[in-house]
Amino acid sequence: MKQHRDFAWHGDQAQRGFCAGARKKRRERMLDASDIRLLMLHFLAQSNAHGYELIKSVEELSKGEYSPSPGIIYPNLTLLEEMDAIRVVDAQESRKAYTLNDSGRALLTENRENVATIIQRLTSLAILVNNRSIPEVEQAIHNIKFTLNHRLAQENISAETLEIVITALNEAAEKIAKS
């Protein structure tokens, strides 16, 4: 049996994929490789599956808002197989279906809180995207971004103006959090 690879939990989501200012907008990486492996173990604990079925299971969980690429699923299936966490159900089949081994069940049990957090993150993504697409919310977000970027793009902004901007943003964030 090969040694277990890193299943470390990375809880500081605020630092992931941070992108600010006028840089090109990038979508934050939804899951890292250890998250994907845990999700794959979670789905394989429910039933045997092919790689494509695992992709679809993750996609369904997020209501289509996130779909892992084959480039992340298949190498992680190989890694989980090398770790003896999963095994191929029938090596003679043209498409490999995988099942969970005892080692995989133990990893899943050991990481059940992390799995619950990952599942919650994916299910809440669909809700977030749905609520952000309400026209009035979209317009309000656009107004804040446009006004903020327009104001901060000016040279020689005074300390007083910066304080007004920062205070207004913090007050808006506080009101939204309390709503």
N, C-alpha and C. Protein backbone atom coordinates (compact mmCIF):
# COMPACT_ATOMS: atom_id res chain seq x y z
N MET A 1 0.84 -1.18 0.00
CA MET A 1 0.00 0.00 0.00
C MET A 1 0.89 1.25 0.00
N LYS A 2 0.56 2.19 -0.87
CA LYS A 2 1.34 3.42 -0.94
C LYS A 2 0.95 4.34 0.21
N GLN A 3 1.85 5.25 0.53
CA GLN A 3 1.62 6.18 1.63
C GLN A 3 0.55 7.20 1.23
N HIS A 4 -0.28 7.63 2.21
CA HIS A 4 -1.32 8.61 1.96
C HIS A 4 -0.72 9.95 1.61
N ARG A 5 -1.29 10.58 0.61
CA ARG A 5 -0.84 11.92 0.23
C ARG A 5 -1.57 12.96 1.08
N ASP A 6 -1.22 14.19 0.87
CA ASP A 6 -1.75 15.30 1.67
C ASP A 6 -3.25 15.45 1.53
N PHE A 7 -3.95 15.33 2.64
CA PHE A 7 -5.38 15.61 2.69
C PHE A 7 -5.59 16.81 3.60
N ALA A 8 -4.55 17.65 3.68
CA ALA A 8 -4.62 18.81 4.57
C ALA A 8 -5.82 19.67 4.20
N TRP A 9 -6.42 20.23 5.23
CA TRP A 9 -7.58 21.08 5.04
C TRP A 9 -7.12 22.53 5.00
N HIS A 10 -7.57 23.25 4.00
CA HIS A 10 -7.21 24.65 3.85
C HIS A 10 -8.45 25.48 4.12
N GLY A 11 -8.61 25.96 5.36
CA GLY A 11 -9.83 26.64 5.77
C GLY A 11 -9.89 28.12 5.46
N ASP A 12 -8.79 28.76 5.09
CA ASP A 12 -8.83 30.20 4.88
C ASP A 12 -9.22 30.50 3.43
N GLN A 13 -10.51 30.50 3.18
CA GLN A 13 -11.03 30.72 1.83
C GLN A 13 -10.79 32.14 1.34
N ALA A 14 -10.66 33.09 2.25
CA ALA A 14 -10.48 34.48 1.86
C ALA A 14 -9.18 34.68 1.09
N GLN A 15 -8.18 33.83 1.36
CA GLN A 15 -6.90 33.99 0.70
C GLN A 15 -6.85 33.27 -0.64
N ARG A 16 -7.82 32.42 -0.93
CA ARG A 16 -7.81 31.67 -2.17
C ARG A 16 -8.23 32.54 -3.34
N GLY A 17 -7.46 32.50 -4.39
CA GLY A 17 -7.86 33.14 -5.63
C GLY A 17 -8.10 34.63 -5.52
N PHE A 18 -7.49 35.32 -4.55
CA PHE A 18 -7.74 36.74 -4.35
C PHE A 18 -7.29 37.52 -5.59
N CYS A 19 -8.14 38.38 -6.06
CA CYS A 19 -7.86 39.17 -7.23
C CYS A 19 -8.44 40.56 -7.00
N ALA A 20 -7.62 41.61 -7.12
CA ALA A 20 -8.11 42.94 -6.79
C ALA A 20 -7.73 43.94 -7.86
N GLY A 21 -8.30 45.14 -7.73
CA GLY A 21 -7.95 46.25 -8.59
C GLY A 21 -8.38 46.04 -10.01
N ALA A 22 -7.57 46.55 -10.92
CA ALA A 22 -7.92 46.54 -12.34
C ALA A 22 -7.39 45.29 -13.04
N ARG A 23 -6.86 44.34 -12.28
CA ARG A 23 -6.38 43.11 -12.89
C ARG A 23 -7.53 42.35 -13.52
N LYS A 24 -7.19 41.51 -14.48
CA LYS A 24 -8.20 40.70 -15.15
C LYS A 24 -8.92 39.84 -14.14
N LYS A 25 -10.25 39.80 -14.24
CA LYS A 25 -11.05 39.04 -13.30
C LYS A 25 -10.83 37.55 -13.53
N ARG A 26 -10.54 36.83 -12.44
CA ARG A 26 -10.38 35.38 -12.50
C ARG A 26 -11.35 34.76 -11.52
N ARG A 27 -11.92 33.65 -11.90
CA ARG A 27 -12.78 32.94 -10.98
C ARG A 27 -11.92 32.22 -9.96
N GLU A 28 -12.28 32.36 -8.71
CA GLU A 28 -11.54 31.70 -7.64
C GLU A 28 -11.64 30.19 -7.82
N ARG A 29 -10.58 29.50 -7.51
CA ARG A 29 -10.60 28.04 -7.63
C ARG A 29 -11.54 27.51 -6.56
N MET A 30 -12.54 26.80 -6.99
CA MET A 30 -13.58 26.34 -6.07
C MET A 30 -13.05 25.26 -5.12
N LEU A 31 -12.33 24.31 -5.64
CA LEU A 31 -11.84 23.19 -4.83
C LEU A 31 -10.39 22.90 -5.17
N ASP A 32 -9.62 22.53 -4.16
CA ASP A 32 -8.26 22.10 -4.46
C ASP A 32 -8.27 20.58 -4.62
N ALA A 33 -7.13 20.02 -4.94
CA ALA A 33 -7.06 18.58 -5.23
C ALA A 33 -7.50 17.72 -4.05
N SER A 34 -7.15 18.13 -2.82
CA SER A 34 -7.55 17.32 -1.66
C SER A 34 -9.07 17.38 -1.46
N ASP A 35 -9.68 18.53 -1.78
CA ASP A 35 -11.15 18.64 -1.72
C ASP A 35 -11.79 17.69 -2.72
N ILE A 36 -11.26 17.69 -3.93
CA ILE A 36 -11.78 16.82 -4.99
C ILE A 36 -11.68 15.35 -4.57
N ARG A 37 -10.54 14.98 -4.01
CA ARG A 37 -10.37 13.58 -3.60
C ARG A 37 -11.41 13.21 -2.53
N LEU A 38 -11.62 14.09 -1.57
CA LEU A 38 -12.62 13.80 -0.53
C LEU A 38 -14.01 13.68 -1.12
N LEU A 39 -14.35 14.56 -2.05
CA LEU A 39 -15.67 14.48 -2.70
C LEU A 39 -15.81 13.18 -3.48
N MET A 40 -14.74 12.79 -4.17
CA MET A 40 -14.79 11.54 -4.93
C MET A 40 -15.01 10.36 -3.99
N LEU A 41 -14.33 10.35 -2.85
CA LEU A 41 -14.53 9.28 -1.87
C LEU A 41 -15.98 9.31 -1.35
N HIS A 42 -16.49 10.50 -1.12
CA HIS A 42 -17.88 10.66 -0.65
C HIS A 42 -18.86 10.03 -1.65
N PHE A 43 -18.71 10.36 -2.93
CA PHE A 43 -19.63 9.81 -3.93
C PHE A 43 -19.43 8.32 -4.13
N LEU A 44 -18.18 7.85 -4.06
CA LEU A 44 -17.94 6.41 -4.20
C LEU A 44 -18.45 5.62 -3.00
N ALA A 45 -18.57 6.27 -1.86
CA ALA A 45 -19.16 5.60 -0.69
C ALA A 45 -20.65 5.34 -0.92
N GLN A 46 -21.26 6.14 -1.76
CA GLN A 46 -22.68 5.99 -2.06
C GLN A 46 -22.93 4.94 -3.12
N SER A 47 -22.07 4.90 -4.15
CA SER A 47 -22.19 3.88 -5.19
C SER A 47 -20.94 3.89 -6.08
N ASN A 48 -20.71 2.79 -6.74
CA ASN A 48 -19.60 2.70 -7.69
C ASN A 48 -19.83 3.72 -8.80
N ALA A 49 -18.75 4.25 -9.37
CA ALA A 49 -18.91 5.26 -10.41
C ALA A 49 -17.69 5.31 -11.32
N HIS A 50 -17.93 5.78 -12.54
CA HIS A 50 -16.89 6.08 -13.51
C HIS A 50 -16.45 7.53 -13.27
N GLY A 51 -15.33 7.93 -13.84
CA GLY A 51 -14.85 9.30 -13.70
C GLY A 51 -15.88 10.32 -14.16
N TYR A 52 -16.51 10.05 -15.30
CA TYR A 52 -17.51 10.97 -15.85
C TYR A 52 -18.69 11.12 -14.88
N GLU A 53 -19.09 10.02 -14.27
CA GLU A 53 -20.20 10.08 -13.31
C GLU A 53 -19.82 10.89 -12.07
N LEU A 54 -18.55 10.84 -11.68
CA LEU A 54 -18.09 11.66 -10.55
C LEU A 54 -18.13 13.14 -10.90
N ILE A 55 -17.72 13.47 -12.12
CA ILE A 55 -17.80 14.86 -12.59
C ILE A 55 -19.24 15.33 -12.52
N LYS A 56 -20.15 14.52 -13.03
CA LYS A 56 -21.57 14.88 -13.05
C LYS A 56 -22.14 14.99 -11.64
N SER A 57 -21.68 14.17 -10.72
CA SER A 57 -22.16 14.24 -9.33
C SER A 57 -21.78 15.56 -8.68
N VAL A 58 -20.55 16.00 -8.92
CA VAL A 58 -20.10 17.29 -8.38
C VAL A 58 -20.89 18.42 -9.02
N GLU A 59 -21.07 18.33 -10.33
CA GLU A 59 -21.82 19.35 -11.06
C GLU A 59 -23.26 19.43 -10.55
N GLU A 60 -23.87 18.30 -10.32
CA GLU A 60 -25.24 18.26 -9.81
C GLU A 60 -25.34 18.87 -8.41
N LEU A 61 -24.34 18.61 -7.58
CA LEU A 61 -24.32 19.14 -6.22
C LEU A 61 -24.33 20.67 -6.23
N SER A 62 -23.65 21.27 -7.19
CA SER A 62 -23.59 22.74 -7.29
C SER A 62 -24.65 23.29 -8.24
N LYS A 63 -25.58 22.47 -8.66
CA LYS A 63 -26.64 22.86 -9.60
C LYS A 63 -26.06 23.46 -10.88
N GLY A 64 -24.95 22.86 -11.34
CA GLY A 64 -24.34 23.26 -12.61
C GLY A 64 -23.38 24.44 -12.52
N GLU A 65 -23.18 24.98 -11.34
CA GLU A 65 -22.31 26.15 -11.20
C GLU A 65 -20.83 25.80 -11.13
N TYR A 66 -20.50 24.56 -10.83
CA TYR A 66 -19.11 24.13 -10.82
C TYR A 66 -19.03 22.73 -11.37
N SER A 67 -18.08 22.52 -12.27
CA SER A 67 -17.85 21.20 -12.84
C SER A 67 -16.35 20.97 -12.91
N PRO A 68 -15.84 20.00 -12.16
CA PRO A 68 -14.40 19.74 -12.22
C PRO A 68 -14.02 19.19 -13.59
N SER A 69 -12.85 19.55 -14.03
CA SER A 69 -12.40 19.09 -15.35
C SER A 69 -11.92 17.65 -15.26
N PRO A 70 -11.95 16.95 -16.40
CA PRO A 70 -11.37 15.60 -16.43
C PRO A 70 -9.90 15.63 -16.02
N GLY A 71 -9.22 16.74 -16.28
CA GLY A 71 -7.81 16.88 -15.93
C GLY A 71 -7.55 16.88 -14.43
N ILE A 72 -8.57 17.11 -13.63
CA ILE A 72 -8.40 17.00 -12.17
C ILE A 72 -8.99 15.69 -11.66
N ILE A 73 -10.05 15.22 -12.27
CA ILE A 73 -10.70 13.98 -11.80
C ILE A 73 -9.85 12.74 -12.07
N TYR A 74 -9.43 12.54 -13.30
CA TYR A 74 -8.76 11.29 -13.64
C TYR A 74 -7.39 11.11 -12.96
N PRO A 75 -6.56 12.13 -12.88
CA PRO A 75 -5.30 11.94 -12.13
C PRO A 75 -5.55 11.65 -10.64
N ASN A 76 -6.61 12.25 -10.08
CA ASN A 76 -6.91 11.99 -8.67
C ASN A 76 -7.51 10.60 -8.47
N LEU A 77 -8.21 10.08 -9.47
CA LEU A 77 -8.67 8.69 -9.39
C LEU A 77 -7.45 7.76 -9.36
N THR A 78 -6.48 8.04 -10.21
CA THR A 78 -5.26 7.24 -10.24
C THR A 78 -4.54 7.32 -8.89
N LEU A 79 -4.44 8.53 -8.35
CA LEU A 79 -3.78 8.71 -7.06
C LEU A 79 -4.51 7.95 -5.96
N LEU A 80 -5.83 8.05 -5.91
CA LEU A 80 -6.61 7.34 -4.89
C LEU A 80 -6.44 5.82 -5.04
N GLU A 81 -6.33 5.37 -6.29
CA GLU A 81 -6.11 3.94 -6.54
C GLU A 81 -4.72 3.54 -6.04
N GLU A 82 -3.71 4.37 -6.29
CA GLU A 82 -2.35 4.09 -5.81
C GLU A 82 -2.28 4.11 -4.29
N MET A 83 -3.12 4.94 -3.67
CA MET A 83 -3.17 5.02 -2.20
C MET A 83 -3.95 3.86 -1.60
N ASP A 84 -4.54 3.02 -2.46
CA ASP A 84 -5.36 1.89 -2.05
C ASP A 84 -6.64 2.35 -1.33
N ALA A 85 -7.11 3.55 -1.69
CA ALA A 85 -8.36 4.07 -1.13
C ALA A 85 -9.54 3.62 -1.98
N ILE A 86 -9.29 3.35 -3.27
CA ILE A 86 -10.32 2.88 -4.19
C ILE A 86 -9.72 1.78 -5.05
N ARG A 87 -10.60 1.07 -5.73
CA ARG A 87 -10.12 0.06 -6.68
C ARG A 87 -11.10 -0.01 -7.85
N VAL A 88 -10.61 -0.53 -8.96
CA VAL A 88 -11.43 -0.72 -10.15
C VAL A 88 -12.35 -1.91 -9.89
N VAL A 89 -13.63 -1.75 -10.21
CA VAL A 89 -14.61 -2.81 -9.99
C VAL A 89 -14.35 -3.98 -10.93
N ASP A 90 -14.23 -3.70 -12.23
CA ASP A 90 -14.01 -4.75 -13.21
C ASP A 90 -12.99 -4.26 -14.23
N ALA A 91 -11.77 -4.77 -14.14
CA ALA A 91 -10.68 -4.33 -15.01
C ALA A 91 -10.93 -4.69 -16.47
N GLN A 92 -11.86 -5.61 -16.75
CA GLN A 92 -12.14 -6.02 -18.12
C GLN A 92 -13.06 -5.05 -18.86
N GLU A 93 -13.76 -4.20 -18.13
CA GLU A 93 -14.67 -3.24 -18.74
C GLU A 93 -13.88 -2.15 -19.48
N SER A 94 -14.47 -1.59 -20.54
CA SER A 94 -13.79 -0.54 -21.29
C SER A 94 -13.74 0.77 -20.50
N ARG A 95 -14.77 1.04 -19.71
CA ARG A 95 -14.78 2.22 -18.83
C ARG A 95 -14.62 1.73 -17.40
N LYS A 96 -13.61 2.27 -16.73
CA LYS A 96 -13.33 1.84 -15.36
C LYS A 96 -14.36 2.43 -14.39
N ALA A 97 -15.00 1.54 -13.66
CA ALA A 97 -15.85 1.97 -12.54
C ALA A 97 -15.05 1.71 -11.27
N TYR A 98 -15.15 2.61 -10.33
CA TYR A 98 -14.39 2.51 -9.09
C TYR A 98 -15.32 2.27 -7.91
N THR A 99 -14.74 1.64 -6.88
CA THR A 99 -15.44 1.41 -5.63
C THR A 99 -14.49 1.78 -4.49
N LEU A 100 -15.05 2.03 -3.34
CA LEU A 100 -14.27 2.43 -2.17
C LEU A 100 -13.69 1.21 -1.46
N ASN A 101 -12.44 1.31 -1.03
CA ASN A 101 -11.81 0.29 -0.20
C ASN A 101 -11.92 0.70 1.27
N ASP A 102 -11.50 -0.19 2.16
CA ASP A 102 -11.53 0.12 3.60
C ASP A 102 -10.69 1.36 3.91
N SER A 103 -9.56 1.49 3.26
CA SER A 103 -8.68 2.64 3.46
C SER A 103 -9.39 3.94 3.05
N GLY A 104 -10.14 3.88 1.97
CA GLY A 104 -10.91 5.04 1.52
C GLY A 104 -12.01 5.39 2.50
N ARG A 105 -12.67 4.37 3.03
CA ARG A 105 -13.72 4.60 4.05
C ARG A 105 -13.12 5.26 5.29
N ALA A 106 -11.94 4.80 5.68
CA ALA A 106 -11.27 5.38 6.85
C ALA A 106 -10.91 6.85 6.60
N LEU A 107 -10.40 7.16 5.41
CA LEU A 107 -10.09 8.55 5.06
C LEU A 107 -11.35 9.41 5.09
N LEU A 108 -12.42 8.87 4.58
CA LEU A 108 -13.69 9.59 4.55
C LEU A 108 -14.19 9.85 5.97
N THR A 109 -14.13 8.85 6.82
CA THR A 109 -14.55 9.00 8.22
C THR A 109 -13.69 10.03 8.93
N GLU A 110 -12.40 9.95 8.71
CA GLU A 110 -11.44 10.87 9.34
C GLU A 110 -11.68 12.32 8.91
N ASN A 111 -12.21 12.50 7.71
CA ASN A 111 -12.39 13.84 7.14
C ASN A 111 -13.86 14.23 6.97
N ARG A 112 -14.76 13.62 7.74
CA ARG A 112 -16.20 13.85 7.53
C ARG A 112 -16.59 15.32 7.70
N GLU A 113 -15.96 16.03 8.64
CA GLU A 113 -16.28 17.46 8.82
C GLU A 113 -15.85 18.26 7.59
N ASN A 114 -14.69 17.94 7.05
CA ASN A 114 -14.21 18.62 5.85
C ASN A 114 -15.14 18.35 4.67
N VAL A 115 -15.59 17.10 4.54
CA VAL A 115 -16.51 16.74 3.46
C VAL A 115 -17.80 17.54 3.59
N ALA A 116 -18.33 17.65 4.80
CA ALA A 116 -19.56 18.42 5.03
C ALA A 116 -19.36 19.89 4.63
N THR A 117 -18.20 20.44 4.95
CA THR A 117 -17.91 21.83 4.60
C THR A 117 -17.81 22.00 3.09
N ILE A 118 -17.16 21.06 2.41
CA ILE A 118 -17.03 21.12 0.95
C ILE A 118 -18.41 21.03 0.29
N ILE A 119 -19.23 20.12 0.77
CA ILE A 119 -20.58 19.96 0.22
C ILE A 119 -21.39 21.23 0.44
N GLN A 120 -21.29 21.81 1.62
CA GLN A 120 -22.01 23.06 1.92
C GLN A 120 -21.55 24.19 1.00
N ARG A 121 -20.24 24.26 0.75
CA ARG A 121 -19.71 25.31 -0.13
C ARG A 121 -20.28 25.17 -1.54
N LEU A 122 -20.35 23.94 -2.04
CA LEU A 122 -20.87 23.74 -3.40
C LEU A 122 -22.38 23.99 -3.49
N THR A 123 -23.12 23.57 -2.48
CA THR A 123 -24.57 23.80 -2.53
C THR A 123 -24.90 25.28 -2.36
N SER A 124 -24.11 25.98 -1.55
CA SER A 124 -24.37 27.41 -1.37
C SER A 124 -23.96 28.22 -2.60
N LEU A 125 -23.07 27.70 -3.43
CA LEU A 125 -22.68 28.38 -4.66
C LEU A 125 -23.88 28.60 -5.56
N ALA A 126 -24.71 27.58 -5.72
CA ALA A 126 -25.89 27.69 -6.57
C ALA A 126 -26.84 28.77 -6.04
N ILE A 127 -27.00 28.83 -4.73
CA ILE A 127 -27.87 29.84 -4.11
C ILE A 127 -27.29 31.23 -4.34
N LEU A 128 -25.98 31.37 -4.13
CA LEU A 128 -25.30 32.65 -4.33
C LEU A 128 -25.49 33.16 -5.76
N VAL A 129 -25.22 32.32 -6.73
CA VAL A 129 -25.32 32.72 -8.13
C VAL A 129 -26.77 33.09 -8.46
N ASN A 130 -27.71 32.34 -7.94
CA ASN A 130 -29.12 32.64 -8.19
C ASN A 130 -29.49 34.01 -7.62
N ASN A 131 -29.09 34.30 -6.39
CA ASN A 131 -29.41 35.58 -5.77
C ASN A 131 -28.67 36.74 -6.41
N ARG A 132 -27.45 36.52 -6.84
CA ARG A 132 -26.70 37.58 -7.52
C ARG A 132 -27.31 37.94 -8.86
N SER A 133 -28.05 37.02 -9.46
CA SER A 133 -28.62 37.27 -10.78
C SER A 133 -29.97 38.01 -10.72
N ILE A 134 -30.44 38.34 -9.53
CA ILE A 134 -31.65 39.18 -9.41
C ILE A 134 -31.27 40.54 -10.00
N PRO A 135 -32.05 41.04 -10.96
CA PRO A 135 -31.66 42.27 -11.67
C PRO A 135 -31.31 43.45 -10.75
N GLU A 136 -32.08 43.66 -9.71
CA GLU A 136 -31.79 44.79 -8.81
C GLU A 136 -30.46 44.60 -8.08
N VAL A 137 -30.16 43.35 -7.71
CA VAL A 137 -28.89 43.06 -7.05
C VAL A 137 -27.74 43.26 -8.03
N GLU A 138 -27.90 42.76 -9.25
CA GLU A 138 -26.87 42.95 -10.28
C GLU A 138 -26.58 44.43 -10.50
N GLN A 139 -27.64 45.23 -10.59
CA GLN A 139 -27.47 46.66 -10.83
C GLN A 139 -26.77 47.34 -9.65
N ALA A 140 -27.14 46.98 -8.44
CA ALA A 140 -26.51 47.58 -7.25
C ALA A 140 -25.03 47.22 -7.19
N ILE A 141 -24.68 45.96 -7.48
CA ILE A 141 -23.27 45.54 -7.49
C ILE A 141 -22.51 46.32 -8.57
N HIS A 142 -23.12 46.44 -9.74
CA HIS A 142 -22.49 47.19 -10.83
C HIS A 142 -22.25 48.64 -10.41
N ASN A 143 -23.24 49.26 -9.78
CA ASN A 143 -23.10 50.66 -9.36
C ASN A 143 -21.95 50.84 -8.38
N ILE A 144 -21.86 49.94 -7.40
CA ILE A 144 -20.77 50.03 -6.42
C ILE A 144 -19.41 49.87 -7.12
N LYS A 145 -19.28 48.84 -7.95
CA LYS A 145 -18.01 48.59 -8.64
C LYS A 145 -17.61 49.77 -9.52
N PHE A 146 -18.57 50.24 -10.32
CA PHE A 146 -18.28 51.33 -11.25
C PHE A 146 -17.86 52.58 -10.49
N THR A 147 -18.64 52.96 -9.49
CA THR A 147 -18.36 54.18 -8.73
C THR A 147 -17.03 54.07 -7.99
N LEU A 148 -16.79 52.94 -7.36
CA LEU A 148 -15.55 52.74 -6.62
C LEU A 148 -14.35 52.78 -7.56
N ASN A 149 -14.42 52.05 -8.66
CA ASN A 149 -13.31 52.04 -9.61
C ASN A 149 -13.08 53.41 -10.23
N HIS A 150 -14.15 54.12 -10.54
CA HIS A 150 -14.04 55.46 -11.12
C HIS A 150 -13.35 56.39 -10.13
N ARG A 151 -13.75 56.32 -8.88
CA ARG A 151 -13.17 57.21 -7.85
C ARG A 151 -11.71 56.86 -7.56
N LEU A 152 -11.42 55.58 -7.44
CA LEU A 152 -10.06 55.16 -7.10
C LEU A 152 -9.08 55.26 -8.28
N ALA A 153 -9.60 55.44 -9.49
CA ALA A 153 -8.74 55.58 -10.66
C ALA A 153 -8.19 57.00 -10.80
N GLN A 154 -8.64 57.91 -9.96
CA GLN A 154 -8.18 59.29 -10.01
C GLN A 154 -6.86 59.45 -9.25
N GLU A 155 -6.00 60.29 -9.78
CA GLU A 155 -4.72 60.55 -9.12
C GLU A 155 -4.89 61.47 -7.93
N ASN A 156 -3.94 61.38 -7.03
CA ASN A 156 -3.87 62.28 -5.89
C ASN A 156 -5.16 62.33 -5.06
N ILE A 157 -5.67 61.19 -4.71
CA ILE A 157 -6.86 61.13 -3.86
C ILE A 157 -6.41 61.54 -2.45
N SER A 158 -7.15 62.45 -1.87
CA SER A 158 -6.77 62.93 -0.55
C SER A 158 -7.04 61.88 0.51
N ALA A 159 -6.36 62.02 1.62
CA ALA A 159 -6.56 61.11 2.75
C ALA A 159 -8.00 61.20 3.24
N GLU A 160 -8.57 62.38 3.19
CA GLU A 160 -9.97 62.59 3.62
C GLU A 160 -10.94 61.82 2.71
N THR A 161 -10.69 61.88 1.41
CA THR A 161 -11.54 61.17 0.45
C THR A 161 -11.42 59.66 0.64
N LEU A 162 -10.19 59.19 0.83
CA LEU A 162 -9.98 57.75 1.06
C LEU A 162 -10.72 57.30 2.32
N GLU A 163 -10.67 58.10 3.36
CA GLU A 163 -11.36 57.77 4.60
C GLU A 163 -12.87 57.68 4.38
N ILE A 164 -13.42 58.60 3.57
CA ILE A 164 -14.86 58.59 3.25
C ILE A 164 -15.21 57.31 2.50
N VAL A 165 -14.40 56.95 1.53
CA VAL A 165 -14.64 55.73 0.73
C VAL A 165 -14.58 54.50 1.62
N ILE A 166 -13.54 54.40 2.42
CA ILE A 166 -13.36 53.24 3.30
C ILE A 166 -14.49 53.14 4.31
N THR A 167 -14.87 54.25 4.89
CA THR A 167 -15.97 54.25 5.87
C THR A 167 -17.27 53.83 5.21
N ALA A 168 -17.55 54.36 4.02
CA ALA A 168 -18.78 54.01 3.31
C ALA A 168 -18.83 52.51 2.98
N LEU A 169 -17.70 51.97 2.52
CA LEU A 169 -17.65 50.54 2.20
C LEU A 169 -17.84 49.68 3.45
N ASN A 170 -17.16 50.06 4.53
CA ASN A 170 -17.31 49.29 5.79
C ASN A 170 -18.73 49.37 6.33
N GLU A 171 -19.35 50.54 6.25
CA GLU A 171 -20.73 50.69 6.72
C GLU A 171 -21.69 49.85 5.86
N ALA A 172 -21.48 49.87 4.55
CA ALA A 172 -22.33 49.07 3.67
C ALA A 172 -22.17 47.58 3.99
N ALA A 173 -20.92 47.15 4.19
CA ALA A 173 -20.67 45.74 4.51
C ALA A 173 -21.34 45.37 5.83
N GLU A 174 -21.27 46.24 6.80
CA GLU A 174 -21.88 45.98 8.11
C GLU A 174 -23.41 45.88 7.98
N LYS A 175 -24.01 46.80 7.23
CA LYS A 175 -25.47 46.77 7.03
C LYS A 175 -25.90 45.47 6.33
N ILE A 176 -25.14 45.09 5.32
CA ILE A 176 -25.47 43.86 4.58
C ILE A 176 -25.34 42.65 5.50
N ALA A 177 -24.29 42.61 6.30
CA ALA A 177 -24.08 41.49 7.21
C ALA A 177 -25.20 41.39 8.23
N LYS A 178 -25.73 42.52 8.67
CA LYS A 178 -26.79 42.52 9.69
C LYS A 178 -28.18 42.31 9.10
N SER A 179 -28.30 42.37 7.78
CA SER A 179 -29.64 42.27 7.16
C SER A 179 -30.24 40.88 7.27
